[in-house]
């Protein structure tokens, strides 16, 4: 990206091509460039906001998956549902995660105080 600066050295415009008005190349991850884009390009600010919400949603999905695992474990332990009645894909995913968590606990990769699940 090439930039045009004001007399105070602040970026005032951008170009993808170098010219007399845009003589200075600036890296795409330069903090000055990112600040200019956030302040002056509404789509950039919107995209950043949407990425923030997307990350929060992904984190929430992971939390919800853990809740659902624990719920299935509780329902099967109390005989309310039969594990084998779940779709095979669900059985495989739940068993894989249970095995992974068991292996991580065995290797002490989990802090047991933080693992508040009802699953072994």
PDB file of N, CA and C in Angstrom:
ATOM      1  N   UNK A   1       0.848  -1.160   0.000  1.00  0.00           N
ATOM      2  CA  UNK A   1       0.000   0.000   0.000  1.00  0.00           C
ATOM      3  C   UNK A   1       0.902   1.233   0.000  1.00  0.00           C
ATOM      4  N   UNK A   2       0.490   2.255  -0.737  1.00  0.00           N
ATOM      5  CA  UNK A   2       1.234   3.512  -0.797  1.00  0.00           C
ATOM      6  C   UNK A   2       0.392   4.588  -0.121  1.00  0.00           C
ATOM      7  N   UNK A   3       1.079   5.463   0.585  1.00  0.00           N
ATOM      8  CA  UNK A   3       0.352   6.459   1.373  1.00  0.00           C
ATOM      9  C   UNK A   3       0.723   7.874   0.985  1.00  0.00           C
ATOM     10  N   UNK A   4      -0.238   8.754   1.212  1.00  0.00           N
ATOM     11  CA  UNK A   4      -0.039  10.189   1.083  1.00  0.00           C
ATOM     12  C   UNK A   4      -0.150  10.745   2.502  1.00  0.00           C
ATOM     13  N   UNK A   5       0.781  11.621   2.853  1.00  0.00           N
ATOM     14  CA  UNK A   5       0.810  12.161   4.214  1.00  0.00           C
ATOM     15  C   UNK A   5       0.565  13.663   4.207  1.00  0.00           C
ATOM     16  N   UNK A   6      -0.005  14.147   5.292  1.00  0.00           N
ATOM     17  CA  UNK A   6      -0.186  15.590   5.496  1.00  0.00           C
ATOM     18  C   UNK A   6       1.129  16.160   6.013  1.00  0.00           C
ATOM     19  N   UNK A   7       1.167  17.469   6.152  1.00  0.00           N
ATOM     20  CA  UNK A   7       2.393  18.125   6.627  1.00  0.00           C
ATOM     21  C   UNK A   7       2.784  17.672   8.036  1.00  0.00           C
ATOM     22  N   UNK A   8       1.821  17.202   8.817  1.00  0.00           N
ATOM     23  CA  UNK A   8       2.120  16.707  10.170  1.00  0.00           C
ATOM     24  C   UNK A   8       2.518  15.220  10.171  1.00  0.00           C
ATOM     25  N   UNK A   9       2.732  14.655   8.965  1.00  0.00           N
ATOM     26  CA  UNK A   9       3.168  13.263   8.757  1.00  0.00           C
ATOM     27  C   UNK A   9       2.060  12.235   8.971  1.00  0.00           C
ATOM     28  N   UNK A  10       0.833  12.694   9.185  1.00  0.00           N
ATOM     29  CA  UNK A  10      -0.279  11.777   9.366  1.00  0.00           C
ATOM     30  C   UNK A  10      -0.757  11.275   8.004  1.00  0.00           C
ATOM     31  N   UNK A  11      -1.103  10.007   7.899  1.00  0.00           N
ATOM     32  CA  UNK A  11      -1.622   9.439   6.655  1.00  0.00           C
ATOM     33  C   UNK A  11      -2.981  10.073   6.357  1.00  0.00           C
ATOM     34  N   UNK A  12      -3.145  10.525   5.106  1.00  0.00           N
ATOM     35  CA  UNK A  12      -4.412  11.144   4.720  1.00  0.00           C
ATOM     36  C   UNK A  12      -5.092  10.426   3.560  1.00  0.00           C
ATOM     37  N   UNK A  13      -4.349   9.557   2.854  1.00  0.00           N
ATOM     38  CA  UNK A  13      -4.943   8.834   1.731  1.00  0.00           C
ATOM     39  C   UNK A  13      -4.094   7.608   1.405  1.00  0.00           C
ATOM     40  N   UNK A  14      -4.731   6.646   0.722  1.00  0.00           N
ATOM     41  CA  UNK A  14      -4.069   5.388   0.347  1.00  0.00           C
ATOM     42  C   UNK A  14      -4.201   5.146  -1.147  1.00  0.00           C
ATOM     43  N   UNK A  15      -3.238   4.389  -1.675  1.00  0.00           N
ATOM     44  CA  UNK A  15      -3.300   3.965  -3.065  1.00  0.00           C
ATOM     45  C   UNK A  15      -2.619   2.604  -3.187  1.00  0.00           C
ATOM     46  N   UNK A  16      -3.065   1.823  -4.144  1.00  0.00           N
ATOM     47  CA  UNK A  16      -2.402   0.543  -4.390  1.00  0.00           C
ATOM     48  C   UNK A  16      -1.229   0.701  -5.354  1.00  0.00           C
ATOM     49  N   UNK A  17      -1.114   1.883  -5.936  1.00  0.00           N
ATOM     50  CA  UNK A  17      -0.033   2.143  -6.877  1.00  0.00           C
ATOM     51  C   UNK A  17       0.810   3.337  -6.424  1.00  0.00           C
ATOM     52  N   UNK A  18       2.089   3.243  -6.679  1.00  0.00           N
ATOM     53  CA  UNK A  18       2.996   4.337  -6.330  1.00  0.00           C
ATOM     54  C   UNK A  18       2.875   5.444  -7.377  1.00  0.00           C
ATOM     55  N   UNK A  19       2.902   6.680  -6.901  1.00  0.00           N
ATOM     56  CA  UNK A  19       2.858   7.844  -7.786  1.00  0.00           C
ATOM     57  C   UNK A  19       3.491   9.013  -7.052  1.00  0.00           C
ATOM     58  N   UNK A  20       3.511  10.167  -7.719  1.00  0.00           N
ATOM     59  CA  UNK A  20       4.076  11.362  -7.077  1.00  0.00           C
ATOM     60  C   UNK A  20       3.270  11.740  -5.834  1.00  0.00           C
ATOM     61  N   UNK A  21       1.963  11.520  -5.870  1.00  0.00           N
ATOM     62  CA  UNK A  21       1.121  11.834  -4.715  1.00  0.00           C
ATOM     63  C   UNK A  21       1.198  10.765  -3.622  1.00  0.00           C
ATOM     64  N   UNK A  22       1.561   9.557  -4.021  1.00  0.00           N
ATOM     65  CA  UNK A  22       1.624   8.429  -3.083  1.00  0.00           C
ATOM     66  C   UNK A  22       3.015   7.787  -3.170  1.00  0.00           C
ATOM     67  N   UNK A  23       4.029   8.458  -2.657  1.00  0.00           N
ATOM     68  CA  UNK A  23       5.396   7.991  -2.849  1.00  0.00           C
ATOM     69  C   UNK A  23       5.853   6.916  -1.857  1.00  0.00           C
ATOM     70  N   UNK A  24       5.215   6.852  -0.707  1.00  0.00           N
ATOM     71  CA  UNK A  24       5.745   6.015   0.371  1.00  0.00           C
ATOM     72  C   UNK A  24       5.020   4.675   0.474  1.00  0.00           C
ATOM     73  N   UNK A  25       5.808   3.601   0.388  1.00  0.00           N
ATOM     74  CA  UNK A  25       5.249   2.260   0.599  1.00  0.00           C
ATOM     75  C   UNK A  25       5.145   2.001   2.099  1.00  0.00           C
ATOM     76  N   UNK A  26       4.043   1.372   2.493  1.00  0.00           N
ATOM     77  CA  UNK A  26       3.855   1.026   3.900  1.00  0.00           C
ATOM     78  C   UNK A  26       3.295  -0.398   3.956  1.00  0.00           C
ATOM     79  N   UNK A  27       3.825  -1.196   4.878  1.00  0.00           N
ATOM     80  CA  UNK A  27       3.419  -2.600   4.991  1.00  0.00           C
ATOM     81  C   UNK A  27       1.945  -2.701   5.392  1.00  0.00           C
ATOM     82  N   UNK A  28       1.302  -3.773   4.952  1.00  0.00           N
ATOM     83  CA  UNK A  28      -0.132  -3.948   5.219  1.00  0.00           C
ATOM     84  C   UNK A  28      -0.451  -4.086   6.700  1.00  0.00           C
ATOM     85  N   UNK A  29       0.532  -4.460   7.515  1.00  0.00           N
ATOM     86  CA  UNK A  29       0.279  -4.623   8.949  1.00  0.00           C
ATOM     87  C   UNK A  29       0.882  -3.498   9.796  1.00  0.00           C
ATOM     88  N   UNK A  30       1.290  -2.425   9.155  1.00  0.00           N
ATOM     89  CA  UNK A  30       1.853  -1.283   9.874  1.00  0.00           C
ATOM     90  C   UNK A  30       0.779  -0.662  10.774  1.00  0.00           C
ATOM     91  N   UNK A  31       1.096  -0.415  12.038  1.00  0.00           N
ATOM     92  CA  UNK A  31       0.097   0.141  12.964  1.00  0.00           C
ATOM     93  C   UNK A  31      -0.520   1.458  12.496  1.00  0.00           C
ATOM     94  N   UNK A  32       0.262   2.314  11.855  1.00  0.00           N
ATOM     95  CA  UNK A  32      -0.282   3.581  11.342  1.00  0.00           C
ATOM     96  C   UNK A  32      -1.335   3.335  10.274  1.00  0.00           C
ATOM     97  N   UNK A  33      -1.042   2.386   9.387  1.00  0.00           N
ATOM     98  CA  UNK A  33      -1.981   2.060   8.319  1.00  0.00           C
ATOM     99  C   UNK A  33      -3.261   1.474   8.899  1.00  0.00           C
ATOM    100  N   UNK A  34      -3.125   0.557   9.828  1.00  0.00           N
ATOM    101  CA  UNK A  34      -4.300  -0.059  10.438  1.00  0.00           C
ATOM    102  C   UNK A  34      -5.156   0.975  11.168  1.00  0.00           C
ATOM    103  N   UNK A  35      -4.512   1.893  11.849  1.00  0.00           N
ATOM    104  CA  UNK A  35      -5.238   2.950  12.549  1.00  0.00           C
ATOM    105  C   UNK A  35      -5.996   3.834  11.549  1.00  0.00           C
ATOM    106  N   UNK A  36      -5.321   4.192  10.443  1.00  0.00           N
ATOM    107  CA  UNK A  36      -5.971   5.009   9.413  1.00  0.00           C
ATOM    108  C   UNK A  36      -7.188   4.278   8.850  1.00  0.00           C
ATOM    109  N   UNK A  37      -7.023   2.996   8.554  1.00  0.00           N
ATOM    110  CA  UNK A  37      -8.118   2.222   7.966  1.00  0.00           C
ATOM    111  C   UNK A  37      -9.302   2.101   8.931  1.00  0.00           C
ATOM    112  N   UNK A  38      -9.015   1.853  10.186  1.00  0.00           N
ATOM    113  CA  UNK A  38     -10.091   1.738  11.167  1.00  0.00           C
ATOM    114  C   UNK A  38     -10.866   3.044  11.299  1.00  0.00           C
ATOM    115  N   UNK A  39     -10.149   4.141  11.219  1.00  0.00           N
ATOM    116  CA  UNK A  39     -10.762   5.453  11.402  1.00  0.00           C
ATOM    117  C   UNK A  39     -11.502   5.924  10.146  1.00  0.00           C
ATOM    118  N   UNK A  40     -11.035   5.543   8.958  1.00  0.00           N
ATOM    119  CA  UNK A  40     -11.541   6.145   7.726  1.00  0.00           C
ATOM    120  C   UNK A  40     -12.283   5.228   6.772  1.00  0.00           C
ATOM    121  N   UNK A  41     -12.236   3.955   7.010  1.00  0.00           N
ATOM    122  CA  UNK A  41     -12.899   3.038   6.084  1.00  0.00           C
ATOM    123  C   UNK A  41     -13.986   2.279   6.840  1.00  0.00           C
ATOM    124  N   UNK A  42     -15.239   2.689   6.694  1.00  0.00           N
ATOM    125  CA  UNK A  42     -16.331   2.066   7.447  1.00  0.00           C
ATOM    126  C   UNK A  42     -16.406   0.549   7.271  1.00  0.00           C
ATOM    127  N   UNK A  43     -16.150   0.065   6.072  1.00  0.00           N
ATOM    128  CA  UNK A  43     -16.218  -1.380   5.841  1.00  0.00           C
ATOM    129  C   UNK A  43     -15.165  -2.116   6.658  1.00  0.00           C
ATOM    130  N   UNK A  44     -14.006  -1.509   6.824  1.00  0.00           N
ATOM    131  CA  UNK A  44     -12.950  -2.126   7.631  1.00  0.00           C
ATOM    132  C   UNK A  44     -13.389  -2.223   9.087  1.00  0.00           C
ATOM    133  N   UNK A  45     -13.958  -1.154   9.601  1.00  0.00           N
ATOM    134  CA  UNK A  45     -14.436  -1.162  10.984  1.00  0.00           C
ATOM    135  C   UNK A  45     -15.559  -2.179  11.157  1.00  0.00           C
ATOM    136  N   UNK A  46     -16.455  -2.257  10.179  1.00  0.00           N
ATOM    137  CA  UNK A  46     -17.551  -3.223  10.233  1.00  0.00           C
ATOM    138  C   UNK A  46     -17.015  -4.651  10.210  1.00  0.00           C
ATOM    139  N   UNK A  47     -16.041  -4.910   9.336  1.00  0.00           N
ATOM    140  CA  UNK A  47     -15.457  -6.251   9.255  1.00  0.00           C
ATOM    141  C   UNK A  47     -14.789  -6.631  10.572  1.00  0.00           C
ATOM    142  N   UNK A  48     -14.101  -5.684  11.177  1.00  0.00           N
ATOM    143  CA  UNK A  48     -13.446  -5.957  12.457  1.00  0.00           C
ATOM    144  C   UNK A  48     -14.491  -6.278  13.527  1.00  0.00           C
ATOM    145  N   UNK A  49     -15.585  -5.546  13.534  1.00  0.00           N
ATOM    146  CA  UNK A  49     -16.661  -5.804  14.488  1.00  0.00           C
ATOM    147  C   UNK A  49     -17.266  -7.178  14.247  1.00  0.00           C
ATOM    148  N   UNK A  50     -17.516  -7.503  12.972  1.00  0.00           N
ATOM    149  CA  UNK A  50     -18.094  -8.801  12.647  1.00  0.00           C
ATOM    150  C   UNK A  50     -17.159  -9.935  13.035  1.00  0.00           C
ATOM    151  N   UNK A  51     -15.852  -9.760  12.846  1.00  0.00           N
ATOM    152  CA  UNK A  51     -14.898 -10.777  13.261  1.00  0.00           C
ATOM    153  C   UNK A  51     -14.922 -10.966  14.765  1.00  0.00           C
ATOM    154  N   UNK A  52     -15.089  -9.880  15.497  1.00  0.00           N
ATOM    155  CA  UNK A  52     -15.187  -9.968  16.954  1.00  0.00           C
ATOM    156  C   UNK A  52     -16.395 -10.784  17.375  1.00  0.00           C
ATOM    157  N   UNK A  53     -17.545 -10.528  16.733  1.00  0.00           N
ATOM    158  CA  UNK A  53     -18.747 -11.298  17.043  1.00  0.00           C
ATOM    159  C   UNK A  53     -18.578 -12.760  16.631  1.00  0.00           C
ATOM    160  N   UNK A  54     -17.929 -12.985  15.507  1.00  0.00           N
ATOM    161  CA  UNK A  54     -17.708 -14.348  15.044  1.00  0.00           C
ATOM    162  C   UNK A  54     -16.860 -15.131  16.046  1.00  0.00           C
ATOM    163  N   UNK A  55     -15.825 -14.490  16.578  1.00  0.00           N
ATOM    164  CA  UNK A  55     -14.965 -15.134  17.578  1.00  0.00           C
ATOM    165  C   UNK A  55     -15.757 -15.450  18.838  1.00  0.00           C
ATOM    166  N   UNK A  56     -16.590 -14.500  19.282  1.00  0.00           N
ATOM    167  CA  UNK A  56     -17.411 -14.736  20.466  1.00  0.00           C
ATOM    168  C   UNK A  56     -18.376 -15.895  20.232  1.00  0.00           C
ATOM    169  N   UNK A  57     -18.935 -15.958  19.032  1.00  0.00           N
ATOM    170  CA  UNK A  57     -19.854 -17.044  18.708  1.00  0.00           C
ATOM    171  C   UNK A  57     -19.120 -18.387  18.701  1.00  0.00           C
ATOM    172  N   UNK A  58     -17.917 -18.421  18.153  1.00  0.00           N
ATOM    173  CA  UNK A  58     -17.135 -19.657  18.160  1.00  0.00           C
ATOM    174  C   UNK A  58     -16.821 -20.097  19.586  1.00  0.00           C
ATOM    175  N   UNK A  59     -16.444 -19.152  20.433  1.00  0.00           N
ATOM    176  CA  UNK A  59     -16.174 -19.481  21.839  1.00  0.00           C
ATOM    177  C   UNK A  59     -17.433 -20.021  22.506  1.00  0.00           C
ATOM    178  N   UNK A  60     -18.554 -19.391  22.213  1.00  0.00           N
ATOM    179  CA  UNK A  60     -19.826 -19.837  22.771  1.00  0.00           C
ATOM    180  C   UNK A  60     -20.176 -21.236  22.274  1.00  0.00           C
ATOM    181  N   UNK A  61     -19.897 -21.523  21.001  1.00  0.00           N
ATOM    182  CA  UNK A  61     -20.143 -22.854  20.446  1.00  0.00           C
ATOM    183  C   UNK A  61     -19.348 -23.913  21.195  1.00  0.00           C
ATOM    184  N   UNK A  62     -18.094 -23.608  21.486  1.00  0.00           N
ATOM    185  CA  UNK A  62     -17.251 -24.568  22.209  1.00  0.00           C
ATOM    186  C   UNK A  62     -17.801 -24.805  23.610  1.00  0.00           C
ATOM    187  N   UNK A  63     -18.225 -23.740  24.274  1.00  0.00           N
ATOM    188  CA  UNK A  63     -18.814 -23.885  25.610  1.00  0.00           C
ATOM    189  C   UNK A  63     -20.098 -24.705  25.558  1.00  0.00           C
ATOM    190  N   UNK A  64     -20.928 -24.422  24.559  1.00  0.00           N
ATOM    191  CA  UNK A  64     -22.184 -25.137  24.425  1.00  0.00           C
ATOM    192  C   UNK A  64     -21.952 -26.614  24.116  1.00  0.00           C
ATOM    193  N   UNK A  65     -20.954 -26.914  23.306  1.00  0.00           N
ATOM    194  CA  UNK A  65     -20.631 -28.311  23.005  1.00  0.00           C
ATOM    195  C   UNK A  65     -20.294 -29.063  24.282  1.00  0.00           C
ATOM    196  N   UNK A  66     -19.540 -28.428  25.163  1.00  0.00           N
ATOM    197  CA  UNK A  66     -19.180 -29.061  26.430  1.00  0.00           C
ATOM    198  C   UNK A  66     -20.418 -29.292  27.289  1.00  0.00           C
ATOM    199  N   UNK A  67     -21.323 -28.328  27.327  1.00  0.00           N
ATOM    200  CA  UNK A  67     -22.564 -28.474  28.084  1.00  0.00           C
ATOM    201  C   UNK A  67     -23.373 -29.648  27.531  1.00  0.00           C
ATOM    202  N   UNK A  68     -23.460 -29.739  26.209  1.00  0.00           N
ATOM    203  CA  UNK A  68     -24.224 -30.826  25.599  1.00  0.00           C
ATOM    204  C   UNK A  68     -23.592 -32.188  25.877  1.00  0.00           C
ATOM    205  N   UNK A  69     -22.269 -32.254  25.865  1.00  0.00           N
ATOM    206  CA  UNK A  69     -21.595 -33.506  26.226  1.00  0.00           C
ATOM    207  C   UNK A  69     -21.977 -33.933  27.632  1.00  0.00           C
ATOM    208  N   UNK A  70     -21.904 -32.986  28.554  1.00  0.00           N
ATOM    209  CA  UNK A  70     -22.230 -33.287  29.944  1.00  0.00           C
ATOM    210  C   UNK A  70     -23.706 -33.665  30.100  1.00  0.00           C
ATOM    211  N   UNK A  71     -24.569 -33.004  29.340  1.00  0.00           N
ATOM    212  CA  UNK A  71     -25.990 -33.314  29.388  1.00  0.00           C
ATOM    213  C   UNK A  71     -26.250 -34.743  28.905  1.00  0.00           C
ATOM    214  N   UNK A  72     -25.645 -35.126  27.794  1.00  0.00           N
ATOM    215  CA  UNK A  72     -25.807 -36.483  27.284  1.00  0.00           C
ATOM    216  C   UNK A  72     -25.295 -37.496  28.310  1.00  0.00           C
ATOM    217  N   UNK A  73     -24.159 -37.211  28.912  1.00  0.00           N
ATOM    218  CA  UNK A  73     -23.603 -38.102  29.933  1.00  0.00           C
ATOM    219  C   UNK A  73     -24.564 -38.245  31.116  1.00  0.00           C
ATOM    220  N   UNK A  74     -25.127 -37.144  31.562  1.00  0.00           N
ATOM    221  CA  UNK A  74     -26.067 -37.163  32.677  1.00  0.00           C
ATOM    222  C   UNK A  74     -27.327 -37.949  32.332  1.00  0.00           C
ATOM    223  N   UNK A  75     -27.872 -37.698  31.161  1.00  0.00           N
ATOM    224  CA  UNK A  75     -29.092 -38.392  30.739  1.00  0.00           C
ATOM    225  C   UNK A  75     -28.862 -39.898  30.568  1.00  0.00           C
ATOM    226  N   UNK A  76     -27.720 -40.279  30.053  1.00  0.00           N
ATOM    227  CA  UNK A  76     -27.431 -41.712  29.905  1.00  0.00           C
ATOM    228  C   UNK A  76     -27.130 -42.353  31.260  1.00  0.00           C
ATOM    229  N   UNK A  77     -26.421 -41.645  32.124  1.00  0.00           N
ATOM    230  CA  UNK A  77     -26.101 -42.191  33.452  1.00  0.00           C
ATOM    231  C   UNK A  77     -27.364 -42.417  34.279  1.00  0.00           C
ATOM    232  N   UNK A  78     -28.389 -41.594  34.072  1.00  0.00           N
ATOM    233  CA  UNK A  78     -29.646 -41.734  34.808  1.00  0.00           C
ATOM    234  C   UNK A  78     -30.675 -42.588  34.064  1.00  0.00           C
ATOM    235  N   UNK A  79     -30.281 -43.190  32.950  1.00  0.00           N
ATOM    236  CA  UNK A  79     -31.162 -44.086  32.214  1.00  0.00           C
ATOM    237  C   UNK A  79     -32.296 -43.401  31.482  1.00  0.00           C
ATOM    238  N   UNK A  80     -32.202 -42.107  31.303  1.00  0.00           N
ATOM    239  CA  UNK A  80     -33.262 -41.371  30.607  1.00  0.00           C
ATOM    240  C   UNK A  80     -33.169 -41.592  29.101  1.00  0.00           C
ATOM    241  N   UNK A  81     -31.960 -41.656  28.593  1.00  0.00           N
ATOM    242  CA  UNK A  81     -31.749 -42.005  27.187  1.00  0.00           C
ATOM    243  C   UNK A  81     -30.722 -43.126  27.123  1.00  0.00           C
ATOM    244  N   UNK A  82     -30.727 -43.832  26.031  1.00  0.00           N
ATOM    245  CA  UNK A  82     -29.744 -44.889  25.804  1.00  0.00           C
ATOM    246  C   UNK A  82     -28.729 -44.366  24.798  1.00  0.00           C
ATOM    247  N   UNK A  83     -27.462 -44.439  25.169  1.00  0.00           N
ATOM    248  CA  UNK A  83     -26.402 -43.916  24.325  1.00  0.00           C
ATOM    249  C   UNK A  83     -26.464 -44.509  22.918  1.00  0.00           C
ATOM    250  N   UNK A  84     -26.746 -45.787  22.821  1.00  0.00           N
ATOM    251  CA  UNK A  84     -26.761 -46.461  21.516  1.00  0.00           C
ATOM    252  C   UNK A  84     -27.938 -46.039  20.641  1.00  0.00           C
ATOM    253  N   UNK A  85     -28.910 -45.331  21.221  1.00  0.00           N
ATOM    254  CA  UNK A  85     -30.039 -44.823  20.424  1.00  0.00           C
ATOM    255  C   UNK A  85     -29.692 -43.503  19.720  1.00  0.00           C
ATOM    256  N   UNK A  86     -28.580 -42.899  20.132  1.00  0.00           N
ATOM    257  CA  UNK A  86     -28.130 -41.678  19.456  1.00  0.00           C
ATOM    258  C   UNK A  86     -27.643 -42.043  18.060  1.00  0.00           C
ATOM    259  N   UNK A  87     -27.698 -41.095  17.122  1.00  0.00           N
ATOM    260  CA  UNK A  87     -27.147 -41.376  15.784  1.00  0.00           C
ATOM    261  C   UNK A  87     -25.670 -41.777  15.887  1.00  0.00           C
ATOM    262  N   UNK A  88     -25.251 -42.667  15.013  1.00  0.00           N
ATOM    263  CA  UNK A  88     -23.875 -43.183  15.054  1.00  0.00           C
ATOM    264  C   UNK A  88     -22.847 -42.040  14.996  1.00  0.00           C
ATOM    265  N   UNK A  89     -23.092 -41.034  14.185  1.00  0.00           N
ATOM    266  CA  UNK A  89     -22.146 -39.910  14.089  1.00  0.00           C
ATOM    267  C   UNK A  89     -22.008 -39.209  15.436  1.00  0.00           C
ATOM    268  N   UNK A  90     -23.123 -39.046  16.138  1.00  0.00           N
ATOM    269  CA  UNK A  90     -23.074 -38.411  17.462  1.00  0.00           C
ATOM    270  C   UNK A  90     -22.330 -39.291  18.450  1.00  0.00           C
ATOM    271  N   UNK A  91     -22.564 -40.596  18.397  1.00  0.00           N
ATOM    272  CA  UNK A  91     -21.862 -41.524  19.292  1.00  0.00           C
ATOM    273  C   UNK A  91     -20.351 -41.437  19.090  1.00  0.00           C
ATOM    274  N   UNK A  92     -19.944 -41.448  17.837  1.00  0.00           N
ATOM    275  CA  UNK A  92     -18.512 -41.403  17.518  1.00  0.00           C
ATOM    276  C   UNK A  92     -17.900 -40.104  18.024  1.00  0.00           C
ATOM    277  N   UNK A  93     -18.549 -38.983  17.765  1.00  0.00           N
ATOM    278  CA  UNK A  93     -18.014 -37.685  18.204  1.00  0.00           C
ATOM    279  C   UNK A  93     -17.921 -37.600  19.717  1.00  0.00           C
ATOM    280  N   UNK A  94     -18.968 -38.048  20.414  1.00  0.00           N
ATOM    281  CA  UNK A  94     -18.950 -38.009  21.871  1.00  0.00           C
ATOM    282  C   UNK A  94     -17.869 -38.920  22.445  1.00  0.00           C
ATOM    283  N   UNK A  95     -17.747 -40.119  21.886  1.00  0.00           N
ATOM    284  CA  UNK A  95     -16.715 -41.047  22.367  1.00  0.00           C
ATOM    285  C   UNK A  95     -15.314 -40.521  22.084  1.00  0.00           C
ATOM    286  N   UNK A  96     -15.112 -39.931  20.919  1.00  0.00           N
ATOM    287  CA  UNK A  96     -13.798 -39.355  20.597  1.00  0.00           C
ATOM    288  C   UNK A  96     -13.430 -38.245  21.574  1.00  0.00           C
ATOM    289  N   UNK A  97     -14.376 -37.368  21.869  1.00  0.00           N
ATOM    290  CA  UNK A  97     -14.099 -36.270  22.810  1.00  0.00           C
ATOM    291  C   UNK A  97     -13.878 -36.798  24.221  1.00  0.00           C
ATOM    292  N   UNK A  98     -14.656 -37.804  24.623  1.00  0.00           N
ATOM    293  CA  UNK A  98     -14.489 -38.385  25.956  1.00  0.00           C
ATOM    294  C   UNK A  98     -13.105 -39.023  26.077  1.00  0.00           C
ATOM    295  N   UNK A  99     -12.686 -39.732  25.043  1.00  0.00           N
ATOM    296  CA  UNK A  99     -11.358 -40.351  25.037  1.00  0.00           C
ATOM    297  C   UNK A  99     -10.268 -39.295  25.065  1.00  0.00           C
ATOM    298  N   UNK A 100     -10.424 -38.255  24.282  1.00  0.00           N
ATOM    299  CA  UNK A 100      -9.438 -37.176  24.255  1.00  0.00           C
ATOM    300  C   UNK A 100      -9.320 -36.502  25.613  1.00  0.00           C
ATOM    301  N   UNK A 101     -10.450 -36.190  26.240  1.00  0.00           N
ATOM    302  CA  UNK A 101     -10.404 -35.571  27.566  1.00  0.00           C
ATOM    303  C   UNK A 101      -9.777 -36.502  28.594  1.00  0.00           C
ATOM    304  N   UNK A 102     -10.102 -37.800  28.503  1.00  0.00           N
ATOM    305  CA  UNK A 102      -9.509 -38.780  29.428  1.00  0.00           C
ATOM    306  C   UNK A 102      -7.992 -38.817  29.248  1.00  0.00           C
ATOM    307  N   UNK A 103      -7.533 -38.861  28.012  1.00  0.00           N
ATOM    308  CA  UNK A 103      -6.095 -38.890  27.739  1.00  0.00           C
ATOM    309  C   UNK A 103      -5.406 -37.620  28.233  1.00  0.00           C
ATOM    310  N   UNK A 104      -6.059 -36.479  28.041  1.00  0.00           N
ATOM    311  CA  UNK A 104      -5.474 -35.217  28.496  1.00  0.00           C
ATOM    312  C   UNK A 104      -5.385 -35.179  30.020  1.00  0.00           C
ATOM    313  N   UNK A 105      -6.409 -35.706  30.699  1.00  0.00           N
ATOM    314  CA  UNK A 105      -6.364 -35.747  32.163  1.00  0.00           C
ATOM    315  C   UNK A 105      -5.238 -36.673  32.622  1.00  0.00           C
ATOM    316  N   UNK A 106      -5.098 -37.791  31.946  1.00  0.00           N
ATOM    317  CA  UNK A 106      -4.059 -38.758  32.303  1.00  0.00           C
ATOM    318  C   UNK A 106      -2.676 -38.143  32.151  1.00  0.00           C
ATOM    319  N   UNK A 107      -2.512 -37.292  31.147  1.00  0.00           N
ATOM    320  CA  UNK A 107      -1.227 -36.638  30.918  1.00  0.00           C
ATOM    321  C   UNK A 107      -1.091 -35.347  31.719  1.00  0.00           C
ATOM    322  N   UNK A 108      -2.086 -35.068  32.558  1.00  0.00           N
ATOM    323  CA  UNK A 108      -2.106 -33.854  33.379  1.00  0.00           C
ATOM    324  C   UNK A 108      -2.089 -32.577  32.544  1.00  0.00           C
ATOM    325  N   UNK A 109      -2.746 -32.617  31.390  1.00  0.00           N
ATOM    326  CA  UNK A 109      -2.845 -31.418  30.556  1.00  0.00           C
ATOM    327  C   UNK A 109      -4.022 -30.557  30.980  1.00  0.00           C
ATOM    328  N   UNK A 110      -4.929 -31.137  31.737  1.00  0.00           N
ATOM    329  CA  UNK A 110      -6.051 -30.384  32.290  1.00  0.00           C
ATOM    330  C   UNK A 110      -5.725 -30.021  33.721  1.00  0.00           C
ATOM    331  N   UNK A 111      -6.105 -28.831  34.102  1.00  0.00           N
ATOM    332  CA  UNK A 111      -6.052 -28.470  35.508  1.00  0.00           C
ATOM    333  C   UNK A 111      -7.343 -29.005  36.102  1.00  0.00           C
ATOM    334  N   UNK A 112      -7.252 -30.008  36.964  1.00  0.00           N
ATOM    335  CA  UNK A 112      -8.447 -30.683  37.453  1.00  0.00           C
ATOM    336  C   UNK A 112      -9.409 -29.743  38.153  1.00  0.00           C
ATOM    337  N   UNK A 113      -8.919 -28.672  38.775  1.00  0.00           N
ATOM    338  CA  UNK A 113      -9.811 -27.724  39.430  1.00  0.00           C
ATOM    339  C   UNK A 113     -10.663 -26.974  38.414  1.00  0.00           C
ATOM    340  N   UNK A 114     -10.157 -26.794  37.196  1.00  0.00           N
ATOM    341  CA  UNK A 114     -10.913 -26.080  36.164  1.00  0.00           C
ATOM    342  C   UNK A 114     -11.889 -26.995  35.454  1.00  0.00           C
ATOM    343  N   UNK A 115     -11.667 -28.320  35.500  1.00  0.00           N
ATOM    344  CA  UNK A 115     -12.525 -29.256  34.795  1.00  0.00           C
ATOM    345  C   UNK A 115     -13.690 -29.640  35.691  1.00  0.00           C
ATOM    346  N   UNK A 116     -14.807 -28.928  35.544  1.00  0.00           N
ATOM    347  CA  UNK A 116     -15.942 -29.132  36.428  1.00  0.00           C
ATOM    348  C   UNK A 116     -16.997 -30.024  35.807  1.00  0.00           C
ATOM    349  N   UNK A 117     -16.627 -30.817  34.829  1.00  0.00           N
ATOM    350  CA  UNK A 117     -17.622 -31.654  34.177  1.00  0.00           C
ATOM    351  C   UNK A 117     -17.996 -32.822  35.067  1.00  0.00           C
ATOM    352  N   UNK A 118     -19.120 -33.441  34.717  1.00  0.00           N
ATOM    353  CA  UNK A 118     -19.520 -34.638  35.437  1.00  0.00           C
ATOM    354  C   UNK A 118     -18.966 -35.877  34.757  1.00  0.00           C
ATOM    355  N   UNK A 119     -18.321 -35.668  33.608  1.00  0.00           N
ATOM    356  CA  UNK A 119     -17.769 -36.800  32.872  1.00  0.00           C
ATOM    357  C   UNK A 119     -16.411 -37.176  33.449  1.00  0.00           C
ATOM    358  N   UNK A 120     -16.118 -38.480  33.498  1.00  0.00           N
ATOM    359  CA  UNK A 120     -14.810 -38.918  34.019  1.00  0.00           C
ATOM    360  C   UNK A 120     -13.672 -38.513  33.135  1.00  0.00           C
TER     361      UNK A 120
END
